[in-house]
């Protein structure tokens, strides 16, 4: 299945979605227990704007290999796009709690937290991403710090009471 997966990834990068779909589906058929094949199929479905299909493929990829950080991240991203932010956060927590998450995974987790109004957790996730070199995380963290500054400055001045 690995050659089919690699060809599907190349097709995906070249925006040849029909070819990518054909090869990813063939990889899944050839090796149904391959987390990488399911993850690639999910990426194709996501590129086709098939969010339910992408979600199912990423869930299967994560089931086949619970240590596949990319499957968990991609599932989280799909759930963000589906506006299911609590579910997205749960998937992205799986991606970031494992060894060696990519910096952008922290940014995605921050987005899921922020969309739920969990701003302190979003700040922490963005901070982790920024520390790991994610520019989007650094910018998101700076933006949230600006929100905090606006919240503080918009409060009425304190008054003395007796």
N, C-alpha and C. Protein backbone atom coordinates (compact mmCIF):
# COMPACT_ATOMS: atom_id res chain seq x y z
N UNK A 1 0.81 -1.21 0.00
CA UNK A 1 0.00 0.00 0.00
C UNK A 1 0.85 1.27 0.00
N UNK A 2 2.07 1.18 0.51
CA UNK A 2 2.90 2.39 0.65
C UNK A 2 3.13 3.13 -0.68
N UNK A 3 3.43 2.43 -1.79
CA UNK A 3 3.58 3.17 -3.05
C UNK A 3 2.31 3.91 -3.45
N UNK A 4 1.16 3.29 -3.22
CA UNK A 4 -0.11 3.95 -3.53
C UNK A 4 -0.32 5.18 -2.66
N UNK A 5 0.04 5.07 -1.39
CA UNK A 5 -0.08 6.21 -0.46
C UNK A 5 0.80 7.35 -0.94
N UNK A 6 2.03 7.05 -1.29
CA UNK A 6 2.95 8.10 -1.75
C UNK A 6 2.46 8.75 -3.03
N UNK A 7 1.97 7.95 -3.96
CA UNK A 7 1.43 8.51 -5.20
C UNK A 7 0.19 9.37 -4.92
N UNK A 8 -0.67 8.92 -4.01
CA UNK A 8 -1.85 9.71 -3.65
C UNK A 8 -1.42 11.04 -3.04
N UNK A 9 -0.40 11.03 -2.22
CA UNK A 9 0.09 12.28 -1.62
C UNK A 9 0.64 13.23 -2.68
N UNK A 10 1.36 12.67 -3.67
CA UNK A 10 1.86 13.50 -4.76
C UNK A 10 0.71 14.09 -5.57
N UNK A 11 -0.29 13.24 -5.86
CA UNK A 11 -1.47 13.73 -6.58
C UNK A 11 -2.17 14.83 -5.79
N UNK A 12 -2.28 14.65 -4.49
CA UNK A 12 -2.93 15.64 -3.63
C UNK A 12 -2.17 16.97 -3.69
N UNK A 13 -0.85 16.88 -3.61
CA UNK A 13 -0.03 18.10 -3.66
C UNK A 13 -0.18 18.82 -5.01
N UNK A 14 -0.41 18.04 -6.07
CA UNK A 14 -0.57 18.63 -7.40
C UNK A 14 -2.03 18.96 -7.70
N UNK A 15 -2.90 18.81 -6.72
CA UNK A 15 -4.33 19.11 -6.84
C UNK A 15 -5.03 18.22 -7.87
N UNK A 16 -4.50 17.01 -8.05
CA UNK A 16 -5.16 16.03 -8.91
C UNK A 16 -6.01 15.14 -8.00
N UNK A 17 -7.14 15.68 -7.59
CA UNK A 17 -7.94 15.04 -6.55
C UNK A 17 -8.55 13.72 -6.99
N UNK A 18 -8.94 13.61 -8.25
CA UNK A 18 -9.50 12.36 -8.74
C UNK A 18 -8.48 11.23 -8.67
N UNK A 19 -7.26 11.52 -9.11
CA UNK A 19 -6.19 10.50 -9.05
C UNK A 19 -5.83 10.20 -7.60
N UNK A 20 -5.77 11.23 -6.78
CA UNK A 20 -5.44 11.03 -5.36
C UNK A 20 -6.49 10.15 -4.70
N UNK A 21 -7.76 10.41 -5.00
CA UNK A 21 -8.84 9.62 -4.43
C UNK A 21 -8.73 8.15 -4.85
N UNK A 22 -8.50 7.93 -6.14
CA UNK A 22 -8.40 6.57 -6.65
C UNK A 22 -7.26 5.81 -5.96
N UNK A 23 -6.12 6.45 -5.81
CA UNK A 23 -4.97 5.78 -5.20
C UNK A 23 -5.14 5.59 -3.70
N UNK A 24 -5.70 6.57 -3.03
CA UNK A 24 -5.93 6.44 -1.58
C UNK A 24 -6.94 5.33 -1.30
N UNK A 25 -7.99 5.29 -2.08
CA UNK A 25 -8.98 4.21 -1.90
C UNK A 25 -8.36 2.85 -2.17
N UNK A 26 -7.51 2.76 -3.19
CA UNK A 26 -6.84 1.50 -3.50
C UNK A 26 -5.90 1.09 -2.36
N UNK A 27 -5.22 2.07 -1.75
CA UNK A 27 -4.33 1.77 -0.62
C UNK A 27 -5.12 1.23 0.57
N UNK A 28 -6.29 1.82 0.84
CA UNK A 28 -7.14 1.37 1.93
C UNK A 28 -7.65 -0.05 1.64
N UNK A 29 -8.03 -0.29 0.40
CA UNK A 29 -8.50 -1.64 0.02
C UNK A 29 -7.38 -2.66 0.18
N UNK A 30 -6.19 -2.29 -0.25
CA UNK A 30 -5.04 -3.21 -0.19
C UNK A 30 -4.61 -3.50 1.24
N UNK A 31 -4.66 -2.47 2.08
CA UNK A 31 -4.21 -2.64 3.47
C UNK A 31 -5.16 -1.88 4.41
N UNK A 32 -6.31 -2.49 4.74
CA UNK A 32 -7.32 -1.80 5.54
C UNK A 32 -6.87 -1.45 6.96
N UNK A 33 -5.79 -2.02 7.42
CA UNK A 33 -5.31 -1.70 8.78
C UNK A 33 -4.24 -0.61 8.76
N UNK A 34 -4.00 0.00 7.60
CA UNK A 34 -2.97 1.03 7.48
C UNK A 34 -3.49 2.39 7.92
N UNK A 35 -2.96 2.87 9.02
CA UNK A 35 -3.32 4.20 9.50
C UNK A 35 -2.93 5.26 8.47
N UNK A 36 -1.77 5.09 7.85
CA UNK A 36 -1.31 6.06 6.86
C UNK A 36 -2.24 6.10 5.65
N UNK A 37 -2.75 4.95 5.22
CA UNK A 37 -3.66 4.92 4.08
C UNK A 37 -4.96 5.65 4.43
N UNK A 38 -5.50 5.39 5.61
CA UNK A 38 -6.74 6.06 6.02
C UNK A 38 -6.51 7.56 6.19
N UNK A 39 -5.36 7.95 6.74
CA UNK A 39 -5.07 9.37 6.91
C UNK A 39 -4.98 10.05 5.55
N UNK A 40 -4.36 9.39 4.58
CA UNK A 40 -4.25 9.97 3.24
C UNK A 40 -5.62 10.09 2.60
N UNK A 41 -6.45 9.08 2.76
CA UNK A 41 -7.82 9.16 2.23
C UNK A 41 -8.57 10.32 2.89
N UNK A 42 -8.37 10.49 4.19
CA UNK A 42 -9.00 11.62 4.88
C UNK A 42 -8.55 12.96 4.32
N UNK A 43 -7.26 13.07 4.02
CA UNK A 43 -6.75 14.32 3.46
C UNK A 43 -7.37 14.59 2.09
N UNK A 44 -7.57 13.53 1.31
CA UNK A 44 -8.22 13.69 0.01
C UNK A 44 -9.66 14.16 0.22
N UNK A 45 -10.38 13.51 1.13
CA UNK A 45 -11.77 13.89 1.40
C UNK A 45 -11.86 15.34 1.88
N UNK A 46 -10.91 15.74 2.72
CA UNK A 46 -10.89 17.11 3.20
C UNK A 46 -10.67 18.08 2.04
N UNK A 47 -9.76 17.75 1.15
CA UNK A 47 -9.50 18.61 -0.02
C UNK A 47 -10.72 18.68 -0.93
N UNK A 48 -11.56 17.65 -0.90
CA UNK A 48 -12.79 17.63 -1.69
C UNK A 48 -13.96 18.29 -0.95
N UNK A 49 -13.69 18.86 0.22
CA UNK A 49 -14.71 19.47 1.07
C UNK A 49 -15.76 18.47 1.53
N UNK A 50 -15.38 17.21 1.64
CA UNK A 50 -16.25 16.16 2.15
C UNK A 50 -15.91 15.96 3.63
N UNK A 51 -16.45 16.86 4.48
CA UNK A 51 -16.11 16.81 5.90
C UNK A 51 -16.55 15.52 6.58
N UNK A 52 -17.77 15.01 6.32
CA UNK A 52 -18.13 13.73 6.95
C UNK A 52 -17.22 12.58 6.51
N UNK A 53 -16.88 12.53 5.23
CA UNK A 53 -15.98 11.49 4.74
C UNK A 53 -14.59 11.62 5.33
N UNK A 54 -14.11 12.86 5.45
CA UNK A 54 -12.79 13.10 6.04
C UNK A 54 -12.79 12.67 7.51
N UNK A 55 -13.84 13.04 8.23
CA UNK A 55 -13.93 12.68 9.64
C UNK A 55 -13.87 11.17 9.82
N UNK A 56 -14.65 10.43 9.03
CA UNK A 56 -14.65 8.97 9.15
C UNK A 56 -13.27 8.39 8.85
N UNK A 57 -12.62 8.89 7.82
CA UNK A 57 -11.30 8.37 7.46
C UNK A 57 -10.27 8.68 8.55
N UNK A 58 -10.29 9.89 9.09
CA UNK A 58 -9.32 10.24 10.14
C UNK A 58 -9.60 9.46 11.42
N UNK A 59 -10.87 9.24 11.72
CA UNK A 59 -11.20 8.43 12.91
C UNK A 59 -10.65 7.01 12.74
N UNK A 60 -10.80 6.46 11.55
CA UNK A 60 -10.29 5.11 11.31
C UNK A 60 -8.76 5.11 11.39
N UNK A 61 -8.11 6.14 10.86
CA UNK A 61 -6.65 6.24 10.94
C UNK A 61 -6.20 6.26 12.39
N UNK A 62 -6.91 7.01 13.24
CA UNK A 62 -6.56 7.09 14.66
C UNK A 62 -6.84 5.77 15.37
N UNK A 63 -7.91 5.09 14.98
CA UNK A 63 -8.21 3.78 15.57
C UNK A 63 -7.14 2.76 15.21
N UNK A 64 -6.69 2.77 13.96
CA UNK A 64 -5.69 1.81 13.52
C UNK A 64 -4.33 2.06 14.19
N UNK A 65 -4.04 3.32 14.47
CA UNK A 65 -2.79 3.67 15.16
C UNK A 65 -3.04 4.87 16.05
N UNK A 66 -3.37 4.62 17.34
CA UNK A 66 -3.64 5.74 18.25
C UNK A 66 -2.46 6.70 18.44
N UNK A 67 -1.27 6.29 18.04
CA UNK A 67 -0.10 7.16 18.14
C UNK A 67 0.14 8.01 16.90
N UNK A 68 -0.76 7.94 15.92
CA UNK A 68 -0.60 8.73 14.70
C UNK A 68 -1.05 10.16 14.97
N UNK A 69 -0.09 11.02 15.30
CA UNK A 69 -0.38 12.42 15.63
C UNK A 69 -1.07 13.15 14.48
N UNK A 70 -0.68 12.81 13.27
CA UNK A 70 -1.24 13.49 12.10
C UNK A 70 -2.72 13.16 11.93
N UNK A 71 -3.08 11.91 12.22
CA UNK A 71 -4.50 11.52 12.13
C UNK A 71 -5.31 12.31 13.16
N UNK A 72 -4.80 12.40 14.39
CA UNK A 72 -5.52 13.15 15.43
C UNK A 72 -5.60 14.63 15.07
N UNK A 73 -4.50 15.20 14.57
CA UNK A 73 -4.52 16.60 14.18
C UNK A 73 -5.51 16.83 13.05
N UNK A 74 -5.46 15.97 12.04
CA UNK A 74 -6.36 16.14 10.90
C UNK A 74 -7.82 15.96 11.30
N UNK A 75 -8.07 15.03 12.21
CA UNK A 75 -9.43 14.87 12.73
C UNK A 75 -9.85 16.15 13.44
N UNK A 76 -8.97 16.70 14.27
CA UNK A 76 -9.27 17.94 14.97
C UNK A 76 -9.55 19.09 14.02
N UNK A 77 -8.75 19.21 12.98
CA UNK A 77 -8.95 20.26 11.99
C UNK A 77 -10.30 20.09 11.30
N UNK A 78 -10.63 18.86 10.94
CA UNK A 78 -11.92 18.58 10.31
C UNK A 78 -13.07 18.96 11.23
N UNK A 79 -12.93 18.66 12.51
CA UNK A 79 -13.98 18.99 13.48
C UNK A 79 -14.09 20.50 13.71
N UNK A 80 -12.97 21.21 13.63
CA UNK A 80 -13.02 22.68 13.70
C UNK A 80 -13.83 23.20 12.52
N UNK A 81 -13.53 22.68 11.33
CA UNK A 81 -14.25 23.12 10.13
C UNK A 81 -15.74 22.77 10.20
N UNK A 82 -16.05 21.70 10.94
CA UNK A 82 -17.45 21.30 11.15
C UNK A 82 -18.08 22.04 12.33
N UNK A 83 -17.32 22.94 12.94
CA UNK A 83 -17.75 23.75 14.09
C UNK A 83 -18.14 22.89 15.28
N UNK A 84 -17.44 21.81 15.47
CA UNK A 84 -17.63 20.94 16.64
C UNK A 84 -16.37 21.10 17.49
N UNK A 85 -16.30 22.22 18.17
CA UNK A 85 -15.07 22.65 18.81
C UNK A 85 -14.65 21.81 20.01
N UNK A 86 -15.59 21.33 20.80
CA UNK A 86 -15.23 20.49 21.94
C UNK A 86 -14.64 19.16 21.44
N UNK A 87 -15.26 18.57 20.43
CA UNK A 87 -14.73 17.33 19.86
C UNK A 87 -13.36 17.58 19.22
N UNK A 88 -13.22 18.72 18.57
CA UNK A 88 -11.94 19.08 17.95
C UNK A 88 -10.85 19.19 19.02
N UNK A 89 -11.17 19.84 20.14
CA UNK A 89 -10.18 19.98 21.21
C UNK A 89 -9.76 18.62 21.74
N UNK A 90 -10.70 17.71 21.90
CA UNK A 90 -10.37 16.37 22.40
C UNK A 90 -9.40 15.66 21.44
N UNK A 91 -9.66 15.76 20.15
CA UNK A 91 -8.77 15.13 19.17
C UNK A 91 -7.40 15.79 19.17
N UNK A 92 -7.39 17.11 19.23
CA UNK A 92 -6.11 17.84 19.20
C UNK A 92 -5.31 17.66 20.48
N UNK A 93 -6.00 17.44 21.58
CA UNK A 93 -5.28 17.10 22.82
C UNK A 93 -4.53 15.78 22.64
N UNK A 94 -5.13 14.83 21.93
CA UNK A 94 -4.45 13.57 21.65
C UNK A 94 -3.19 13.82 20.82
N UNK A 95 -3.29 14.71 19.85
CA UNK A 95 -2.15 15.01 18.99
C UNK A 95 -1.02 15.68 19.77
N UNK A 96 -1.37 16.57 20.68
CA UNK A 96 -0.33 17.36 21.36
C UNK A 96 0.18 16.70 22.64
N UNK A 97 -0.50 15.68 23.14
CA UNK A 97 -0.03 15.01 24.35
C UNK A 97 0.99 13.92 24.04
N UNK A 98 1.10 13.55 22.79
CA UNK A 98 2.07 12.53 22.40
C UNK A 98 3.45 13.18 22.25
N UNK A 99 4.44 12.35 22.05
CA UNK A 99 5.80 12.86 21.86
C UNK A 99 5.95 13.52 20.50
N UNK A 100 6.53 14.69 20.50
CA UNK A 100 6.91 15.35 19.27
C UNK A 100 5.82 15.93 18.40
N UNK A 101 4.81 16.61 18.99
CA UNK A 101 3.81 17.23 18.11
C UNK A 101 4.45 18.34 17.27
N UNK A 102 3.92 18.51 16.09
CA UNK A 102 4.37 19.60 15.23
C UNK A 102 3.87 20.92 15.82
N UNK A 103 4.62 22.01 15.65
CA UNK A 103 4.19 23.29 16.22
C UNK A 103 2.79 23.71 15.80
N UNK A 104 2.40 23.44 14.56
CA UNK A 104 1.08 23.86 14.09
C UNK A 104 -0.05 23.13 14.80
N UNK A 105 0.24 21.97 15.37
CA UNK A 105 -0.80 21.23 16.09
C UNK A 105 -1.23 22.00 17.34
N UNK A 106 -0.28 22.69 17.96
CA UNK A 106 -0.60 23.53 19.11
C UNK A 106 -1.51 24.68 18.69
N UNK A 107 -1.23 25.25 17.52
CA UNK A 107 -2.07 26.35 17.03
C UNK A 107 -3.50 25.86 16.81
N UNK A 108 -3.63 24.68 16.20
CA UNK A 108 -4.98 24.14 15.98
C UNK A 108 -5.71 23.92 17.29
N UNK A 109 -4.99 23.41 18.30
CA UNK A 109 -5.61 23.22 19.62
C UNK A 109 -6.04 24.56 20.19
N UNK A 110 -5.20 25.58 20.03
CA UNK A 110 -5.56 26.91 20.51
C UNK A 110 -6.82 27.43 19.85
N UNK A 111 -6.97 27.19 18.56
CA UNK A 111 -8.18 27.61 17.84
C UNK A 111 -9.41 26.91 18.42
N UNK A 112 -9.30 25.59 18.64
CA UNK A 112 -10.44 24.84 19.19
C UNK A 112 -10.82 25.37 20.57
N UNK A 113 -9.82 25.64 21.41
CA UNK A 113 -10.11 26.20 22.74
C UNK A 113 -10.72 27.59 22.63
N UNK A 114 -10.14 28.42 21.78
CA UNK A 114 -10.61 29.80 21.66
C UNK A 114 -12.06 29.84 21.18
N UNK A 115 -12.40 28.98 20.24
CA UNK A 115 -13.76 28.97 19.71
C UNK A 115 -14.78 28.51 20.75
N UNK A 116 -14.30 27.86 21.81
CA UNK A 116 -15.18 27.47 22.92
C UNK A 116 -15.20 28.52 24.02
N UNK A 117 -14.40 29.57 23.88
CA UNK A 117 -14.31 30.59 24.91
C UNK A 117 -13.36 30.21 26.03
N UNK A 118 -12.55 29.18 25.83
CA UNK A 118 -11.58 28.72 26.83
C UNK A 118 -10.26 29.47 26.58
N UNK A 119 -10.27 30.77 26.88
CA UNK A 119 -9.19 31.64 26.47
C UNK A 119 -7.87 31.37 27.17
N UNK A 120 -7.89 31.03 28.43
CA UNK A 120 -6.62 30.75 29.12
C UNK A 120 -5.96 29.49 28.53
N UNK A 121 -6.77 28.48 28.24
CA UNK A 121 -6.22 27.27 27.62
C UNK A 121 -5.74 27.57 26.20
N UNK A 122 -6.46 28.45 25.51
CA UNK A 122 -6.03 28.85 24.17
C UNK A 122 -4.68 29.56 24.24
N UNK A 123 -4.55 30.46 25.21
CA UNK A 123 -3.27 31.16 25.37
C UNK A 123 -2.12 30.18 25.63
N UNK A 124 -2.38 29.19 26.48
CA UNK A 124 -1.34 28.20 26.79
C UNK A 124 -0.97 27.39 25.54
N UNK A 125 -1.97 26.98 24.77
CA UNK A 125 -1.70 26.21 23.56
C UNK A 125 -0.93 27.07 22.55
N UNK A 126 -1.38 28.29 22.34
CA UNK A 126 -0.66 29.18 21.43
C UNK A 126 0.76 29.43 21.92
N UNK A 127 0.92 29.57 23.22
CA UNK A 127 2.27 29.77 23.79
C UNK A 127 3.18 28.58 23.52
N UNK A 128 2.64 27.37 23.66
CA UNK A 128 3.43 26.18 23.35
C UNK A 128 3.82 26.16 21.88
N UNK A 129 2.88 26.50 21.02
CA UNK A 129 3.17 26.54 19.59
C UNK A 129 4.20 27.60 19.25
N UNK A 130 4.05 28.78 19.85
CA UNK A 130 5.00 29.86 19.59
C UNK A 130 6.40 29.47 20.06
N UNK A 131 6.48 28.83 21.23
CA UNK A 131 7.79 28.38 21.74
C UNK A 131 8.43 27.34 20.82
N UNK A 132 7.59 26.58 20.14
CA UNK A 132 8.09 25.54 19.23
C UNK A 132 8.35 26.09 17.82
N UNK A 133 8.10 27.38 17.61
CA UNK A 133 8.42 28.00 16.34
C UNK A 133 7.25 28.24 15.39
N UNK A 134 6.02 28.11 15.87
CA UNK A 134 4.86 28.35 15.01
C UNK A 134 4.55 29.84 14.96
N UNK A 135 4.70 30.41 13.78
CA UNK A 135 4.38 31.83 13.59
C UNK A 135 2.88 32.10 13.77
N UNK A 136 1.98 31.25 13.23
CA UNK A 136 0.55 31.48 13.49
C UNK A 136 0.24 31.46 14.99
N UNK A 137 0.89 30.58 15.74
CA UNK A 137 0.66 30.55 17.19
C UNK A 137 1.12 31.84 17.85
N UNK A 138 2.27 32.34 17.42
CA UNK A 138 2.79 33.60 17.98
C UNK A 138 1.82 34.74 17.70
N UNK A 139 1.31 34.79 16.48
CA UNK A 139 0.37 35.85 16.12
C UNK A 139 -0.96 35.71 16.87
N UNK A 140 -1.43 34.48 17.02
CA UNK A 140 -2.68 34.26 17.77
C UNK A 140 -2.51 34.64 19.22
N UNK A 141 -1.37 34.29 19.79
CA UNK A 141 -1.10 34.65 21.19
C UNK A 141 -1.06 36.17 21.35
N UNK A 142 -0.40 36.85 20.44
CA UNK A 142 -0.34 38.31 20.50
C UNK A 142 -1.73 38.92 20.37
N UNK A 143 -2.54 38.35 19.49
CA UNK A 143 -3.91 38.84 19.32
C UNK A 143 -4.71 38.65 20.60
N UNK A 144 -4.58 37.48 21.23
CA UNK A 144 -5.31 37.25 22.48
C UNK A 144 -4.82 38.15 23.59
N UNK A 145 -3.54 38.45 23.61
CA UNK A 145 -3.03 39.39 24.61
C UNK A 145 -3.64 40.76 24.38
N UNK A 146 -3.84 41.14 23.12
CA UNK A 146 -4.51 42.40 22.81
C UNK A 146 -5.95 42.39 23.29
N UNK A 147 -6.62 41.25 23.17
CA UNK A 147 -7.99 41.13 23.67
C UNK A 147 -8.01 41.32 25.17
N UNK A 148 -7.04 40.72 25.88
CA UNK A 148 -6.96 40.87 27.32
C UNK A 148 -6.75 42.33 27.69
N UNK A 149 -5.88 43.02 26.94
CA UNK A 149 -5.63 44.44 27.20
C UNK A 149 -6.90 45.26 26.99
N UNK A 150 -7.64 44.95 25.92
CA UNK A 150 -8.90 45.66 25.67
C UNK A 150 -9.91 45.40 26.77
N UNK A 151 -9.97 44.15 27.25
CA UNK A 151 -10.91 43.82 28.32
C UNK A 151 -10.59 44.62 29.57
N UNK A 152 -9.32 44.71 29.90
CA UNK A 152 -8.91 45.43 31.11
C UNK A 152 -9.16 46.92 30.95
N UNK A 153 -8.81 47.48 29.78
CA UNK A 153 -8.95 48.93 29.60
C UNK A 153 -10.40 49.36 29.42
N UNK A 154 -11.30 48.45 29.07
CA UNK A 154 -12.69 48.84 28.87
C UNK A 154 -13.52 48.78 30.16
N UNK A 155 -12.92 48.32 31.24
CA UNK A 155 -13.65 48.28 32.52
C UNK A 155 -13.75 49.71 33.06
N UNK A 156 -14.86 50.02 33.70
CA UNK A 156 -14.98 51.37 34.26
C UNK A 156 -13.95 51.57 35.37
N UNK A 157 -13.53 52.78 35.58
CA UNK A 157 -12.56 53.03 36.64
C UNK A 157 -13.12 52.63 38.01
N UNK A 158 -12.23 52.18 38.85
CA UNK A 158 -12.63 51.78 40.19
C UNK A 158 -13.07 53.01 40.96
N UNK A 159 -14.05 52.84 41.84
CA UNK A 159 -14.50 53.94 42.68
C UNK A 159 -14.28 53.55 44.13
N UNK A 160 -14.11 54.56 44.94
CA UNK A 160 -13.91 54.32 46.37
C UNK A 160 -15.26 54.15 47.03
N UNK A 161 -15.34 53.22 47.93
CA UNK A 161 -16.58 53.03 48.69
C UNK A 161 -16.24 53.17 50.16
N UNK A 162 -17.23 53.57 50.94
CA UNK A 162 -17.00 53.72 52.37
C UNK A 162 -17.67 52.61 53.12
